[in-house]
Amino acid sequence: MSALNRSFNLLRGAMRHQTIPKANISTKPPKHVLSAGEQVFVMATMFVTILGPSGWVLSHLEDYKKRPGADE
């Protein structure tokens, strides 16, 4: 039991002296404010880039299942 206490004390000592780095958080206003049109363009581009390929695969899933040469 004393070996368990010693190992626990070593672990507790190691945890006590950890330093956490300070985050670099800036509270300044943005240098370039995006207009509503720019925001819409960026959001639409992200939507098409991320969800476009997955939507294509899901919409053609039955075609992929009926692929010629597939082992059944």
N, C-alpha and C. Protein backbone atom coordinates (compact mmCIF):
# COMPACT_ATOMS: atom_id res chain seq x y z
N MET A 1 0.82 -1.19 0.00
CA MET A 1 0.00 0.00 0.00
C MET A 1 0.87 1.26 0.00
N SER A 2 2.04 1.20 0.62
CA SER A 2 2.89 2.37 0.67
C SER A 2 3.45 2.69 -0.72
N ALA A 3 3.64 1.67 -1.56
CA ALA A 3 4.11 1.91 -2.93
C ALA A 3 3.04 2.69 -3.71
N LEU A 4 1.80 2.37 -3.46
CA LEU A 4 0.72 3.09 -4.13
C LEU A 4 0.68 4.54 -3.66
N ASN A 5 0.86 4.76 -2.39
CA ASN A 5 0.88 6.13 -1.86
C ASN A 5 2.05 6.92 -2.42
N ARG A 6 3.22 6.29 -2.53
CA ARG A 6 4.38 6.98 -3.08
C ARG A 6 4.15 7.37 -4.54
N SER A 7 3.61 6.44 -5.32
CA SER A 7 3.37 6.75 -6.73
C SER A 7 2.31 7.84 -6.86
N PHE A 8 1.31 7.81 -5.98
CA PHE A 8 0.29 8.85 -6.01
C PHE A 8 0.90 10.21 -5.66
N ASN A 9 1.80 10.25 -4.71
CA ASN A 9 2.46 11.51 -4.33
C ASN A 9 3.32 12.04 -5.47
N LEU A 10 3.99 11.15 -6.19
CA LEU A 10 4.79 11.59 -7.33
C LEU A 10 3.89 12.18 -8.42
N LEU A 11 2.77 11.52 -8.66
CA LEU A 11 1.85 12.01 -9.67
C LEU A 11 1.25 13.35 -9.26
N ARG A 12 0.89 13.48 -8.00
CA ARG A 12 0.31 14.72 -7.51
C ARG A 12 1.34 15.85 -7.59
N GLY A 13 2.59 15.57 -7.30
CA GLY A 13 3.64 16.58 -7.40
C GLY A 13 3.87 17.03 -8.83
N ALA A 14 3.80 16.10 -9.75
CA ALA A 14 3.98 16.46 -11.16
C ALA A 14 2.82 17.32 -11.65
N MET A 15 1.63 17.06 -11.19
CA MET A 15 0.46 17.82 -11.63
C MET A 15 0.43 19.22 -11.01
N ARG A 16 1.02 19.38 -9.87
CA ARG A 16 0.96 20.65 -9.16
C ARG A 16 1.77 21.74 -9.87
N HIS A 17 2.86 21.37 -10.55
CA HIS A 17 3.78 22.37 -11.09
C HIS A 17 3.61 22.60 -12.58
N GLN A 18 2.48 22.25 -13.13
CA GLN A 18 2.27 22.50 -14.55
C GLN A 18 1.93 23.97 -14.77
N THR A 19 2.52 24.53 -15.82
CA THR A 19 2.21 25.91 -16.18
C THR A 19 1.35 25.89 -17.43
N ILE A 20 0.38 26.76 -17.47
CA ILE A 20 -0.52 26.84 -18.61
C ILE A 20 -0.19 28.13 -19.35
N PRO A 21 0.13 28.03 -20.66
CA PRO A 21 0.46 29.25 -21.39
C PRO A 21 -0.75 30.17 -21.54
N LYS A 22 -0.48 31.44 -21.53
CA LYS A 22 -1.54 32.43 -21.66
C LYS A 22 -1.95 32.55 -23.12
N ALA A 23 -3.23 32.59 -23.38
CA ALA A 23 -3.74 32.69 -24.74
C ALA A 23 -3.53 34.10 -25.26
N ASN A 24 -3.22 34.19 -26.54
CA ASN A 24 -3.06 35.50 -27.18
C ASN A 24 -4.42 35.95 -27.71
N ILE A 25 -5.17 36.64 -26.88
CA ILE A 25 -6.50 37.11 -27.25
C ILE A 25 -6.43 38.62 -27.47
N SER A 26 -6.91 39.03 -28.63
CA SER A 26 -6.89 40.44 -28.96
C SER A 26 -8.32 40.98 -28.91
N THR A 27 -8.48 42.14 -28.33
CA THR A 27 -9.81 42.75 -28.24
C THR A 27 -9.93 43.94 -29.18
N LYS A 28 -9.03 44.04 -30.14
CA LYS A 28 -9.08 45.16 -31.07
C LYS A 28 -10.16 44.92 -32.11
N PRO A 29 -10.70 45.99 -32.69
CA PRO A 29 -11.68 45.80 -33.77
C PRO A 29 -10.97 45.26 -35.02
N PRO A 30 -11.72 44.63 -35.94
CA PRO A 30 -11.09 44.07 -37.13
C PRO A 30 -10.48 45.16 -38.01
N LYS A 31 -9.40 44.80 -38.70
CA LYS A 31 -8.75 45.77 -39.58
C LYS A 31 -9.57 46.02 -40.84
N HIS A 32 -10.26 44.98 -41.32
CA HIS A 32 -11.07 45.10 -42.53
C HIS A 32 -12.43 44.48 -42.25
N VAL A 33 -13.46 45.29 -42.26
CA VAL A 33 -14.81 44.81 -41.99
C VAL A 33 -15.38 44.23 -43.28
N LEU A 34 -15.91 43.00 -43.22
CA LEU A 34 -16.49 42.37 -44.39
C LEU A 34 -17.90 42.87 -44.61
N SER A 35 -18.22 43.14 -45.88
CA SER A 35 -19.58 43.57 -46.20
C SER A 35 -20.51 42.36 -46.20
N ALA A 36 -21.80 42.63 -46.27
CA ALA A 36 -22.78 41.54 -46.27
C ALA A 36 -22.61 40.66 -47.50
N GLY A 37 -22.30 41.25 -48.64
CA GLY A 37 -22.10 40.48 -49.86
C GLY A 37 -20.90 39.55 -49.76
N GLU A 38 -19.81 40.02 -49.17
CA GLU A 38 -18.63 39.18 -48.98
C GLU A 38 -18.93 38.03 -48.03
N GLN A 39 -19.69 38.30 -46.98
CA GLN A 39 -20.04 37.24 -46.04
C GLN A 39 -20.91 36.19 -46.70
N VAL A 40 -21.88 36.60 -47.52
CA VAL A 40 -22.74 35.66 -48.22
C VAL A 40 -21.92 34.81 -49.18
N PHE A 41 -20.99 35.43 -49.91
CA PHE A 41 -20.15 34.70 -50.84
C PHE A 41 -19.31 33.64 -50.13
N VAL A 42 -18.71 34.02 -49.02
CA VAL A 42 -17.86 33.08 -48.28
C VAL A 42 -18.69 31.93 -47.71
N MET A 43 -19.84 32.22 -47.15
CA MET A 43 -20.68 31.17 -46.58
C MET A 43 -21.18 30.22 -47.67
N ALA A 44 -21.58 30.76 -48.84
CA ALA A 44 -22.03 29.91 -49.94
C ALA A 44 -20.89 29.04 -50.46
N THR A 45 -19.70 29.61 -50.56
CA THR A 45 -18.54 28.83 -51.02
C THR A 45 -18.22 27.71 -50.05
N MET A 46 -18.25 27.99 -48.75
CA MET A 46 -18.00 26.95 -47.76
C MET A 46 -19.07 25.87 -47.81
N PHE A 47 -20.32 26.26 -47.98
CA PHE A 47 -21.43 25.31 -48.06
C PHE A 47 -21.23 24.36 -49.24
N VAL A 48 -20.94 24.92 -50.42
CA VAL A 48 -20.77 24.10 -51.62
C VAL A 48 -19.53 23.22 -51.49
N THR A 49 -18.45 23.74 -50.94
CA THR A 49 -17.21 22.99 -50.82
C THR A 49 -17.34 21.83 -49.85
N ILE A 50 -18.02 22.03 -48.75
CA ILE A 50 -18.11 20.99 -47.73
C ILE A 50 -19.27 20.04 -47.98
N LEU A 51 -20.44 20.58 -48.26
CA LEU A 51 -21.63 19.74 -48.37
C LEU A 51 -21.90 19.27 -49.80
N GLY A 52 -21.30 19.89 -50.80
CA GLY A 52 -21.52 19.49 -52.18
C GLY A 52 -21.11 18.05 -52.47
N PRO A 53 -19.86 17.67 -52.20
CA PRO A 53 -19.44 16.30 -52.48
C PRO A 53 -20.23 15.25 -51.69
N SER A 54 -20.53 15.51 -50.44
CA SER A 54 -21.30 14.53 -49.66
C SER A 54 -22.72 14.42 -50.18
N GLY A 55 -23.32 15.51 -50.61
CA GLY A 55 -24.64 15.46 -51.21
C GLY A 55 -24.65 14.69 -52.51
N TRP A 56 -23.58 14.86 -53.31
CA TRP A 56 -23.46 14.12 -54.57
C TRP A 56 -23.41 12.62 -54.30
N VAL A 57 -22.58 12.21 -53.37
CA VAL A 57 -22.45 10.79 -53.06
C VAL A 57 -23.77 10.23 -52.54
N LEU A 58 -24.42 10.94 -51.63
CA LEU A 58 -25.68 10.45 -51.09
C LEU A 58 -26.78 10.38 -52.14
N SER A 59 -26.80 11.33 -53.06
CA SER A 59 -27.84 11.30 -54.09
C SER A 59 -27.60 10.22 -55.13
N HIS A 60 -26.36 9.76 -55.30
CA HIS A 60 -26.03 8.72 -56.27
C HIS A 60 -25.70 7.39 -55.59
N LEU A 61 -26.13 7.21 -54.37
CA LEU A 61 -25.79 6.00 -53.61
C LEU A 61 -26.34 4.74 -54.27
N GLU A 62 -27.54 4.80 -54.79
CA GLU A 62 -28.12 3.63 -55.46
C GLU A 62 -27.35 3.28 -56.72
N ASP A 63 -26.87 4.30 -57.44
CA ASP A 63 -26.06 4.03 -58.63
C ASP A 63 -24.76 3.33 -58.26
N TYR A 64 -24.16 3.70 -57.15
CA TYR A 64 -22.93 3.08 -56.72
C TYR A 64 -23.16 1.63 -56.29
N LYS A 65 -24.33 1.35 -55.74
CA LYS A 65 -24.64 -0.03 -55.34
C LYS A 65 -24.83 -0.93 -56.56
N LYS A 66 -25.36 -0.39 -57.66
CA LYS A 66 -25.64 -1.17 -58.87
C LYS A 66 -24.48 -1.12 -59.86
N ARG A 67 -23.31 -0.77 -59.42
CA ARG A 67 -22.14 -0.63 -60.28
C ARG A 67 -21.82 -1.96 -60.95
N PRO A 68 -21.56 -1.95 -62.26
CA PRO A 68 -21.19 -3.22 -62.92
C PRO A 68 -19.85 -3.73 -62.40
N GLY A 69 -19.75 -5.02 -62.23
CA GLY A 69 -18.52 -5.62 -61.73
C GLY A 69 -18.44 -5.70 -60.24
N ALA A 70 -19.46 -5.23 -59.56
CA ALA A 70 -19.45 -5.30 -58.09
C ALA A 70 -19.74 -6.73 -57.66
N ASP A 71 -19.03 -7.22 -56.69
CA ASP A 71 -19.24 -8.57 -56.17
C ASP A 71 -20.52 -8.60 -55.35
N GLU A 72 -21.37 -9.57 -55.68
CA GLU A 72 -22.62 -9.67 -54.94
C GLU A 72 -22.68 -10.94 -54.14
